[in-house]
Amino acid sequence: MSQNYDEIIEPRENDEQRAARENRLRAAKISRRFSEIDRARIRPLAAIVAGAGTEDKSRLKALEEEAAQLRAELADMEDKDENN
């Protein structure tokens, strides 16, 4: 028997499969962070609408900048996936 028992039962993933799995995991993390950012926007937006939020504008700006970076990363991942 030339093959290891583990290799017969569970084949090893190749580099392409590993990269695809890692991209799916990163995309899922980005998606979860988008949800967190959306929830974090609620309080500052409510304060601004109520006229009580001064520092809340900077918090919203920081959240939007992070979301923009994540959108760019996700778009880059999707472009690379389409090209492969």
N, C-alpha and C. Protein backbone atom coordinates (compact mmCIF):
# COMPACT_ATOMS: atom_id res chain seq x y z
N MET A 1 0.84 -1.16 0.00
CA MET A 1 0.00 0.00 0.00
C MET A 1 0.89 1.24 0.00
N SER A 2 0.85 2.00 -1.09
CA SER A 2 1.75 3.14 -1.22
C SER A 2 1.18 4.43 -0.65
N GLN A 3 -0.15 4.52 -0.52
CA GLN A 3 -0.75 5.74 -0.01
C GLN A 3 -1.00 5.65 1.49
N ASN A 4 -0.88 6.79 2.10
CA ASN A 4 -1.19 6.91 3.51
C ASN A 4 -2.72 6.80 3.66
N TYR A 5 -3.19 6.20 4.73
CA TYR A 5 -4.63 6.02 4.97
C TYR A 5 -5.35 7.35 4.97
N ASP A 6 -4.76 8.37 5.57
CA ASP A 6 -5.39 9.70 5.63
C ASP A 6 -5.58 10.29 4.23
N GLU A 7 -4.64 10.04 3.34
CA GLU A 7 -4.76 10.58 1.99
C GLU A 7 -5.87 9.90 1.21
N ILE A 8 -6.16 8.67 1.51
CA ILE A 8 -7.24 7.96 0.84
C ILE A 8 -8.59 8.49 1.33
N ILE A 9 -8.72 8.67 2.62
CA ILE A 9 -9.98 9.13 3.21
C ILE A 9 -10.22 10.61 2.96
N GLU A 10 -9.21 11.41 3.18
CA GLU A 10 -9.35 12.86 3.07
C GLU A 10 -8.22 13.41 2.20
N PRO A 11 -8.49 13.62 0.91
CA PRO A 11 -7.43 14.10 0.03
C PRO A 11 -6.95 15.50 0.45
N ARG A 12 -5.69 15.77 0.26
CA ARG A 12 -5.12 17.07 0.58
C ARG A 12 -5.59 18.10 -0.43
N GLU A 13 -5.80 19.32 0.05
CA GLU A 13 -6.20 20.36 -0.89
C GLU A 13 -4.96 20.94 -1.56
N ASN A 14 -5.12 21.32 -2.81
CA ASN A 14 -4.00 21.92 -3.52
C ASN A 14 -3.97 23.43 -3.23
N ASP A 15 -2.98 24.11 -3.77
CA ASP A 15 -2.82 25.54 -3.50
C ASP A 15 -4.03 26.36 -3.96
N GLU A 16 -4.57 26.00 -5.09
CA GLU A 16 -5.73 26.73 -5.63
C GLU A 16 -6.95 26.54 -4.73
N GLN A 17 -7.18 25.32 -4.27
CA GLN A 17 -8.30 25.05 -3.38
C GLN A 17 -8.11 25.77 -2.04
N ARG A 18 -6.88 25.78 -1.54
CA ARG A 18 -6.60 26.46 -0.27
C ARG A 18 -6.84 27.96 -0.41
N ALA A 19 -6.39 28.56 -1.51
CA ALA A 19 -6.58 29.99 -1.75
C ALA A 19 -8.07 30.32 -1.86
N ALA A 20 -8.82 29.47 -2.54
CA ALA A 20 -10.26 29.69 -2.67
C ALA A 20 -10.95 29.61 -1.31
N ARG A 21 -10.53 28.64 -0.50
CA ARG A 21 -11.11 28.50 0.85
C ARG A 21 -10.78 29.73 1.69
N GLU A 22 -9.54 30.18 1.64
CA GLU A 22 -9.13 31.36 2.41
C GLU A 22 -9.88 32.60 1.95
N ASN A 23 -10.12 32.73 0.64
CA ASN A 23 -10.89 33.87 0.12
C ASN A 23 -12.33 33.83 0.62
N ARG A 24 -12.92 32.63 0.63
CA ARG A 24 -14.30 32.51 1.14
C ARG A 24 -14.37 32.90 2.61
N LEU A 25 -13.38 32.46 3.38
CA LEU A 25 -13.35 32.80 4.81
C LEU A 25 -13.18 34.31 5.00
N ARG A 26 -12.30 34.92 4.23
CA ARG A 26 -12.08 36.38 4.35
C ARG A 26 -13.33 37.13 3.92
N ALA A 27 -13.99 36.69 2.86
CA ALA A 27 -15.22 37.34 2.41
C ALA A 27 -16.30 37.25 3.48
N ALA A 28 -16.38 36.12 4.18
CA ALA A 28 -17.35 35.97 5.26
C ALA A 28 -17.02 36.91 6.41
N LYS A 29 -15.73 37.07 6.74
CA LYS A 29 -15.33 38.00 7.80
C LYS A 29 -15.68 39.44 7.41
N ILE A 30 -15.46 39.79 6.16
CA ILE A 30 -15.79 41.13 5.68
C ILE A 30 -17.29 41.36 5.78
N SER A 31 -18.07 40.38 5.39
CA SER A 31 -19.52 40.48 5.48
C SER A 31 -19.98 40.70 6.92
N ARG A 32 -19.38 39.94 7.85
CA ARG A 32 -19.73 40.13 9.27
C ARG A 32 -19.35 41.53 9.74
N ARG A 33 -18.20 42.02 9.30
CA ARG A 33 -17.78 43.36 9.71
C ARG A 33 -18.70 44.42 9.13
N PHE A 34 -19.19 44.24 7.90
CA PHE A 34 -20.18 45.16 7.33
C PHE A 34 -21.41 45.24 8.24
N SER A 35 -21.87 44.10 8.73
CA SER A 35 -23.03 44.08 9.63
C SER A 35 -22.72 44.84 10.92
N GLU A 36 -21.52 44.63 11.46
CA GLU A 36 -21.13 45.34 12.68
C GLU A 36 -21.07 46.85 12.44
N ILE A 37 -20.53 47.24 11.30
CA ILE A 37 -20.44 48.67 10.97
C ILE A 37 -21.85 49.26 10.85
N ASP A 38 -22.74 48.55 10.18
CA ASP A 38 -24.11 49.04 10.04
C ASP A 38 -24.77 49.24 11.40
N ARG A 39 -24.57 48.28 12.31
CA ARG A 39 -25.14 48.42 13.65
C ARG A 39 -24.50 49.58 14.41
N ALA A 40 -23.19 49.77 14.22
CA ALA A 40 -22.48 50.84 14.92
C ALA A 40 -22.88 52.22 14.42
N ARG A 41 -23.43 52.32 13.23
CA ARG A 41 -23.86 53.61 12.67
C ARG A 41 -25.16 54.11 13.27
N ILE A 42 -25.95 53.25 13.83
CA ILE A 42 -27.29 53.62 14.28
C ILE A 42 -27.26 54.72 15.35
N ARG A 43 -26.47 54.52 16.40
CA ARG A 43 -26.45 55.49 17.48
C ARG A 43 -25.93 56.85 17.05
N PRO A 44 -24.80 56.92 16.33
CA PRO A 44 -24.34 58.24 15.89
C PRO A 44 -25.34 58.94 14.96
N LEU A 45 -25.98 58.18 14.08
CA LEU A 45 -26.98 58.79 13.19
C LEU A 45 -28.16 59.34 13.99
N ALA A 46 -28.61 58.58 14.98
CA ALA A 46 -29.72 59.05 15.82
C ALA A 46 -29.33 60.32 16.57
N ALA A 47 -28.11 60.38 17.07
CA ALA A 47 -27.65 61.57 17.78
C ALA A 47 -27.58 62.78 16.86
N ILE A 48 -27.12 62.58 15.65
CA ILE A 48 -27.04 63.68 14.69
C ILE A 48 -28.43 64.18 14.33
N VAL A 49 -29.35 63.26 14.08
CA VAL A 49 -30.72 63.64 13.74
C VAL A 49 -31.36 64.39 14.90
N ALA A 50 -31.06 63.99 16.13
CA ALA A 50 -31.61 64.65 17.31
C ALA A 50 -30.90 65.97 17.61
N GLY A 51 -29.83 66.27 16.88
CA GLY A 51 -29.10 67.51 17.09
C GLY A 51 -28.13 67.46 18.25
N ALA A 52 -27.84 66.28 18.75
CA ALA A 52 -26.96 66.15 19.92
C ALA A 52 -25.60 65.57 19.57
N GLY A 53 -25.36 65.29 18.32
CA GLY A 53 -24.11 64.59 17.97
C GLY A 53 -23.10 65.50 17.32
N THR A 54 -22.04 65.78 18.01
CA THR A 54 -20.96 66.56 17.40
C THR A 54 -19.81 65.64 17.03
N GLU A 55 -19.33 64.85 17.98
CA GLU A 55 -18.24 63.91 17.69
C GLU A 55 -18.74 62.70 16.91
N ASP A 56 -20.07 62.56 16.82
CA ASP A 56 -20.63 61.42 16.11
C ASP A 56 -20.35 61.48 14.61
N LYS A 57 -20.19 62.67 14.06
CA LYS A 57 -19.87 62.79 12.63
C LYS A 57 -18.51 62.18 12.33
N SER A 58 -17.55 62.39 13.23
CA SER A 58 -16.23 61.81 13.00
C SER A 58 -16.29 60.29 13.14
N ARG A 59 -17.12 59.78 14.05
CA ARG A 59 -17.30 58.33 14.20
C ARG A 59 -17.91 57.75 12.93
N LEU A 60 -18.92 58.41 12.38
CA LEU A 60 -19.53 57.94 11.13
C LEU A 60 -18.53 57.96 9.99
N LYS A 61 -17.70 59.00 9.95
CA LYS A 61 -16.70 59.10 8.88
C LYS A 61 -15.71 57.94 8.99
N ALA A 62 -15.27 57.64 10.21
CA ALA A 62 -14.33 56.54 10.41
C ALA A 62 -14.95 55.21 10.00
N LEU A 63 -16.20 55.01 10.35
CA LEU A 63 -16.89 53.76 9.98
C LEU A 63 -17.02 53.65 8.46
N GLU A 64 -17.35 54.77 7.81
CA GLU A 64 -17.49 54.75 6.35
C GLU A 64 -16.15 54.51 5.68
N GLU A 65 -15.08 55.07 6.21
CA GLU A 65 -13.75 54.83 5.64
C GLU A 65 -13.37 53.36 5.75
N GLU A 66 -13.67 52.76 6.89
CA GLU A 66 -13.38 51.33 7.06
C GLU A 66 -14.22 50.50 6.08
N ALA A 67 -15.50 50.85 5.95
CA ALA A 67 -16.37 50.12 5.03
C ALA A 67 -15.87 50.26 3.59
N ALA A 68 -15.38 51.44 3.22
CA ALA A 68 -14.87 51.66 1.87
C ALA A 68 -13.63 50.79 1.62
N GLN A 69 -12.74 50.68 2.62
CA GLN A 69 -11.57 49.83 2.47
C GLN A 69 -11.97 48.37 2.32
N LEU A 70 -12.96 47.95 3.10
CA LEU A 70 -13.43 46.56 3.01
C LEU A 70 -14.10 46.29 1.66
N ARG A 71 -14.87 47.26 1.16
CA ARG A 71 -15.50 47.10 -0.16
C ARG A 71 -14.44 46.95 -1.24
N ALA A 72 -13.38 47.75 -1.15
CA ALA A 72 -12.30 47.67 -2.14
C ALA A 72 -11.60 46.32 -2.06
N GLU A 73 -11.35 45.84 -0.84
CA GLU A 73 -10.71 44.53 -0.68
C GLU A 73 -11.60 43.43 -1.25
N LEU A 74 -12.88 43.50 -0.98
CA LEU A 74 -13.82 42.50 -1.49
C LEU A 74 -13.89 42.54 -3.01
N ALA A 75 -13.93 43.74 -3.58
CA ALA A 75 -13.96 43.87 -5.05
C ALA A 75 -12.69 43.31 -5.67
N ASP A 76 -11.55 43.55 -5.03
CA ASP A 76 -10.28 43.02 -5.53
C ASP A 76 -10.29 41.50 -5.49
N MET A 77 -10.81 40.94 -4.41
CA MET A 77 -10.89 39.48 -4.30
C MET A 77 -11.79 38.91 -5.39
N GLU A 78 -12.92 39.58 -5.66
CA GLU A 78 -13.84 39.11 -6.68
C GLU A 78 -13.23 39.21 -8.07
N ASP A 79 -12.47 40.29 -8.32
CA ASP A 79 -11.80 40.45 -9.62
C ASP A 79 -10.78 39.35 -9.84
N LYS A 80 -10.00 39.05 -8.81
CA LYS A 80 -9.00 37.99 -8.92
C LYS A 80 -9.68 36.64 -9.14
N ASP A 81 -10.82 36.42 -8.46
CA ASP A 81 -11.55 35.16 -8.61
C ASP A 81 -12.09 35.01 -10.03
N GLU A 82 -12.58 36.09 -10.61
CA GLU A 82 -13.12 36.05 -11.98
C GLU A 82 -12.02 35.81 -13.01
N ASN A 83 -10.82 36.29 -12.73
CA ASN A 83 -9.71 36.14 -13.66
C ASN A 83 -9.08 34.76 -13.61
N ASN A 84 -9.39 33.98 -12.60
CA ASN A 84 -8.80 32.63 -12.48
C ASN A 84 -9.69 31.59 -13.09
